[in-house]
Amino acid sequence: QNAHEIPATFANITVEFEAKGSGDGRMFGTISTKQIEEELKAKFGIEIDRRKCVEKMAVDHFGYSKLKFDLYKGIIGTVTVHVSEKK
């Protein structure tokens, strides 16, 4: 039963990152699922296996992205990731 409550917890969380950008608004590098996993653990105390990411991709642009994680069988949690340009 608790497993069904976890996706609601993820809905209220936004993981924040800063990255360097080029002059034309593109981001240098990517934010990996490993970085997202580490940030969730450090800031929110949530442990999630990065290999459970459904999209199998890294965040490669500024702004908001939503990544889906397979938490348990049939239960998907969506993590919001926000990347802003480092000034």
N, C-alpha and C. Protein backbone atom coordinates (compact mmCIF):
# COMPACT_ATOMS: atom_id res chain seq x y z
N GLN A 1 0.83 -1.20 0.00
CA GLN A 1 0.00 0.00 0.00
C GLN A 1 0.87 1.26 0.00
N ASN A 2 1.94 1.26 0.76
CA ASN A 2 2.83 2.43 0.79
C ASN A 2 3.46 2.69 -0.56
N ALA A 3 3.67 1.64 -1.34
CA ALA A 3 4.27 1.80 -2.67
C ALA A 3 3.42 2.67 -3.57
N HIS A 4 2.12 2.66 -3.40
CA HIS A 4 1.23 3.48 -4.22
C HIS A 4 1.26 4.95 -3.80
N GLU A 5 1.76 5.25 -2.61
CA GLU A 5 1.84 6.63 -2.13
C GLU A 5 3.13 7.32 -2.58
N ILE A 6 4.13 6.55 -2.96
CA ILE A 6 5.43 7.12 -3.33
C ILE A 6 5.35 8.05 -4.54
N PRO A 7 4.65 7.69 -5.62
CA PRO A 7 4.59 8.62 -6.76
C PRO A 7 4.05 10.01 -6.38
N ALA A 8 3.15 10.08 -5.42
CA ALA A 8 2.64 11.38 -4.97
C ALA A 8 3.74 12.19 -4.30
N THR A 9 4.64 11.52 -3.61
CA THR A 9 5.78 12.20 -2.98
C THR A 9 6.68 12.80 -4.05
N PHE A 10 6.93 12.06 -5.12
CA PHE A 10 7.78 12.55 -6.20
C PHE A 10 7.16 13.76 -6.90
N ALA A 11 5.85 13.84 -6.94
CA ALA A 11 5.17 14.93 -7.64
C ALA A 11 5.49 16.29 -7.03
N ASN A 12 5.86 16.32 -5.76
CA ASN A 12 6.14 17.58 -5.06
C ASN A 12 7.62 17.93 -5.03
N ILE A 13 8.44 17.15 -5.70
CA ILE A 13 9.89 17.35 -5.64
C ILE A 13 10.42 17.83 -6.99
N THR A 14 11.27 18.86 -6.94
CA THR A 14 12.01 19.31 -8.11
C THR A 14 13.49 19.30 -7.76
N VAL A 15 14.27 18.58 -8.54
CA VAL A 15 15.70 18.50 -8.33
C VAL A 15 16.34 19.61 -9.17
N GLU A 16 17.13 20.46 -8.51
CA GLU A 16 17.72 21.63 -9.16
C GLU A 16 19.20 21.41 -9.50
N PHE A 17 19.59 21.83 -10.69
CA PHE A 17 20.98 21.77 -11.13
C PHE A 17 21.33 23.07 -11.85
N GLU A 18 22.63 23.40 -11.86
CA GLU A 18 23.15 24.50 -12.67
C GLU A 18 24.19 23.91 -13.62
N ALA A 19 24.23 24.44 -14.84
CA ALA A 19 25.19 23.96 -15.84
C ALA A 19 25.67 25.13 -16.67
N LYS A 20 26.84 24.97 -17.21
CA LYS A 20 27.39 26.00 -18.10
C LYS A 20 26.66 25.96 -19.44
N GLY A 21 26.54 27.13 -20.03
CA GLY A 21 25.86 27.21 -21.32
C GLY A 21 26.71 27.91 -22.35
N SER A 22 26.37 27.70 -23.59
CA SER A 22 27.03 28.40 -24.69
C SER A 22 26.30 29.71 -24.91
N GLY A 23 26.84 30.54 -25.72
CA GLY A 23 26.24 31.84 -25.97
C GLY A 23 24.89 31.78 -26.65
N ASP A 24 24.59 30.69 -27.32
CA ASP A 24 23.33 30.58 -28.05
C ASP A 24 22.24 29.84 -27.26
N GLY A 25 22.44 29.67 -25.96
CA GLY A 25 21.40 29.08 -25.12
C GLY A 25 21.44 27.57 -24.97
N ARG A 26 22.43 26.93 -25.55
CA ARG A 26 22.55 25.48 -25.41
C ARG A 26 23.39 25.14 -24.18
N MET A 27 23.16 23.98 -23.64
CA MET A 27 23.86 23.54 -22.44
C MET A 27 25.09 22.71 -22.81
N PHE A 28 26.19 22.98 -22.09
CA PHE A 28 27.38 22.14 -22.24
C PHE A 28 27.20 20.92 -21.35
N GLY A 29 27.41 19.74 -21.90
CA GLY A 29 27.32 18.52 -21.12
C GLY A 29 25.89 18.09 -20.85
N THR A 30 25.75 17.18 -19.90
CA THR A 30 24.44 16.65 -19.54
C THR A 30 24.34 16.45 -18.04
N ILE A 31 23.13 16.28 -17.56
CA ILE A 31 22.87 15.89 -16.18
C ILE A 31 22.48 14.41 -16.25
N SER A 32 23.30 13.57 -15.66
CA SER A 32 23.08 12.13 -15.77
C SER A 32 22.09 11.63 -14.71
N THR A 33 21.59 10.43 -14.94
CA THR A 33 20.69 9.82 -13.95
C THR A 33 21.44 9.54 -12.65
N LYS A 34 22.76 9.35 -12.72
CA LYS A 34 23.55 9.16 -11.51
C LYS A 34 23.54 10.44 -10.67
N GLN A 35 23.69 11.59 -11.32
CA GLN A 35 23.65 12.86 -10.60
C GLN A 35 22.28 13.09 -9.98
N ILE A 36 21.24 12.72 -10.69
CA ILE A 36 19.88 12.86 -10.17
C ILE A 36 19.68 11.95 -8.97
N GLU A 37 20.16 10.72 -9.08
CA GLU A 37 20.09 9.76 -7.98
C GLU A 37 20.78 10.31 -6.73
N GLU A 38 21.99 10.87 -6.90
CA GLU A 38 22.76 11.41 -5.78
C GLU A 38 22.08 12.62 -5.15
N GLU A 39 21.52 13.48 -5.98
CA GLU A 39 20.86 14.69 -5.48
C GLU A 39 19.58 14.33 -4.71
N LEU A 40 18.82 13.36 -5.19
CA LEU A 40 17.61 12.92 -4.48
C LEU A 40 17.97 12.38 -3.10
N LYS A 41 19.07 11.65 -3.02
CA LYS A 41 19.49 11.08 -1.74
C LYS A 41 19.99 12.18 -0.79
N ALA A 42 20.81 13.09 -1.32
CA ALA A 42 21.40 14.14 -0.49
C ALA A 42 20.38 15.16 0.01
N LYS A 43 19.50 15.63 -0.86
CA LYS A 43 18.58 16.71 -0.50
C LYS A 43 17.26 16.23 0.10
N PHE A 44 16.79 15.06 -0.35
CA PHE A 44 15.45 14.63 0.06
C PHE A 44 15.44 13.30 0.81
N GLY A 45 16.60 12.65 0.92
CA GLY A 45 16.67 11.37 1.61
C GLY A 45 15.97 10.24 0.87
N ILE A 46 15.81 10.39 -0.44
CA ILE A 46 15.13 9.38 -1.25
C ILE A 46 16.18 8.57 -2.00
N GLU A 47 16.15 7.27 -1.80
CA GLU A 47 17.07 6.39 -2.51
C GLU A 47 16.34 5.75 -3.68
N ILE A 48 16.89 5.95 -4.86
CA ILE A 48 16.29 5.40 -6.07
C ILE A 48 17.43 4.89 -6.95
N ASP A 49 17.22 3.79 -7.60
CA ASP A 49 18.24 3.20 -8.46
C ASP A 49 18.17 3.86 -9.84
N ARG A 50 19.26 4.48 -10.24
CA ARG A 50 19.29 5.19 -11.53
C ARG A 50 19.01 4.26 -12.70
N ARG A 51 19.27 2.98 -12.54
CA ARG A 51 19.02 2.02 -13.62
C ARG A 51 17.54 1.76 -13.83
N LYS A 52 16.71 2.27 -12.92
CA LYS A 52 15.26 2.09 -13.04
C LYS A 52 14.61 3.22 -13.83
N CYS A 53 15.43 4.12 -14.37
CA CYS A 53 14.90 5.22 -15.19
C CYS A 53 14.33 4.63 -16.47
N VAL A 54 13.09 4.94 -16.76
CA VAL A 54 12.40 4.36 -17.92
C VAL A 54 12.96 4.91 -19.23
N GLU A 55 13.29 6.21 -19.28
CA GLU A 55 13.74 6.84 -20.52
C GLU A 55 15.17 6.49 -20.91
N LYS A 56 16.01 6.12 -19.96
CA LYS A 56 17.41 5.78 -20.23
C LYS A 56 18.16 6.89 -20.94
N MET A 57 17.94 8.12 -20.49
CA MET A 57 18.61 9.25 -21.12
C MET A 57 19.03 10.26 -20.07
N ALA A 58 19.94 11.11 -20.44
CA ALA A 58 20.38 12.19 -19.57
C ALA A 58 19.68 13.48 -19.98
N VAL A 59 19.64 14.43 -19.08
CA VAL A 59 19.03 15.73 -19.37
C VAL A 59 20.09 16.58 -20.06
N ASP A 60 19.77 17.08 -21.25
CA ASP A 60 20.76 17.80 -22.05
C ASP A 60 20.32 19.20 -22.48
N HIS A 61 19.36 19.77 -21.74
CA HIS A 61 18.89 21.11 -22.08
C HIS A 61 18.47 21.86 -20.82
N PHE A 62 18.45 23.19 -20.93
CA PHE A 62 18.00 24.02 -19.81
C PHE A 62 16.48 23.94 -19.69
N GLY A 63 16.00 24.23 -18.49
CA GLY A 63 14.56 24.21 -18.27
C GLY A 63 14.15 23.00 -17.46
N TYR A 64 12.89 22.65 -17.58
CA TYR A 64 12.33 21.54 -16.81
C TYR A 64 12.24 20.29 -17.66
N SER A 65 12.54 19.16 -17.04
CA SER A 65 12.39 17.84 -17.67
C SER A 65 11.73 16.93 -16.65
N LYS A 66 11.02 15.96 -17.15
CA LYS A 66 10.40 14.97 -16.28
C LYS A 66 10.94 13.60 -16.66
N LEU A 67 11.49 12.91 -15.67
CA LEU A 67 12.02 11.57 -15.89
C LEU A 67 11.19 10.57 -15.09
N LYS A 68 10.85 9.47 -15.72
CA LYS A 68 10.04 8.45 -15.06
C LYS A 68 10.94 7.32 -14.57
N PHE A 69 10.67 6.89 -13.33
CA PHE A 69 11.41 5.80 -12.72
C PHE A 69 10.43 4.68 -12.36
N ASP A 70 10.83 3.46 -12.67
CA ASP A 70 10.04 2.29 -12.33
C ASP A 70 10.37 1.93 -10.89
N LEU A 71 9.51 2.32 -9.97
CA LEU A 71 9.78 2.14 -8.54
C LEU A 71 9.53 0.71 -8.09
N TYR A 72 8.40 0.20 -8.47
CA TYR A 72 8.00 -1.18 -8.18
C TYR A 72 7.24 -1.67 -9.40
N LYS A 73 6.88 -2.91 -9.40
CA LYS A 73 6.13 -3.45 -10.55
C LYS A 73 4.84 -2.66 -10.75
N GLY A 74 4.76 -2.00 -11.89
CA GLY A 74 3.56 -1.25 -12.24
C GLY A 74 3.43 0.11 -11.57
N ILE A 75 4.42 0.53 -10.78
CA ILE A 75 4.35 1.82 -10.10
C ILE A 75 5.47 2.71 -10.63
N ILE A 76 5.07 3.79 -11.29
CA ILE A 76 6.01 4.73 -11.90
C ILE A 76 6.00 6.04 -11.12
N GLY A 77 7.19 6.52 -10.77
CA GLY A 77 7.34 7.82 -10.13
C GLY A 77 7.99 8.78 -11.10
N THR A 78 7.49 10.00 -11.16
CA THR A 78 8.03 11.00 -12.08
C THR A 78 8.80 12.05 -11.29
N VAL A 79 10.07 12.24 -11.64
CA VAL A 79 10.94 13.21 -10.99
C VAL A 79 11.08 14.41 -11.91
N THR A 80 10.85 15.61 -11.37
CA THR A 80 11.05 16.84 -12.13
C THR A 80 12.47 17.33 -11.91
N VAL A 81 13.15 17.61 -13.01
CA VAL A 81 14.53 18.10 -12.97
C VAL A 81 14.54 19.48 -13.61
N HIS A 82 15.12 20.45 -12.89
CA HIS A 82 15.23 21.81 -13.42
C HIS A 82 16.71 22.15 -13.56
N VAL A 83 17.10 22.55 -14.77
CA VAL A 83 18.47 22.95 -15.04
C VAL A 83 18.49 24.42 -15.42
N SER A 84 19.25 25.21 -14.67
CA SER A 84 19.38 26.63 -14.99
C SER A 84 20.82 26.90 -15.42
N GLU A 85 21.00 28.00 -16.13
CA GLU A 85 22.33 28.34 -16.62
C GLU A 85 23.15 28.97 -15.51
N LYS A 86 24.36 28.46 -15.35
CA LYS A 86 25.29 28.98 -14.34
C LYS A 86 25.80 30.33 -14.82
N LYS A 87 25.67 31.34 -13.99
CA LYS A 87 26.10 32.69 -14.36
C LYS A 87 27.55 32.93 -14.02
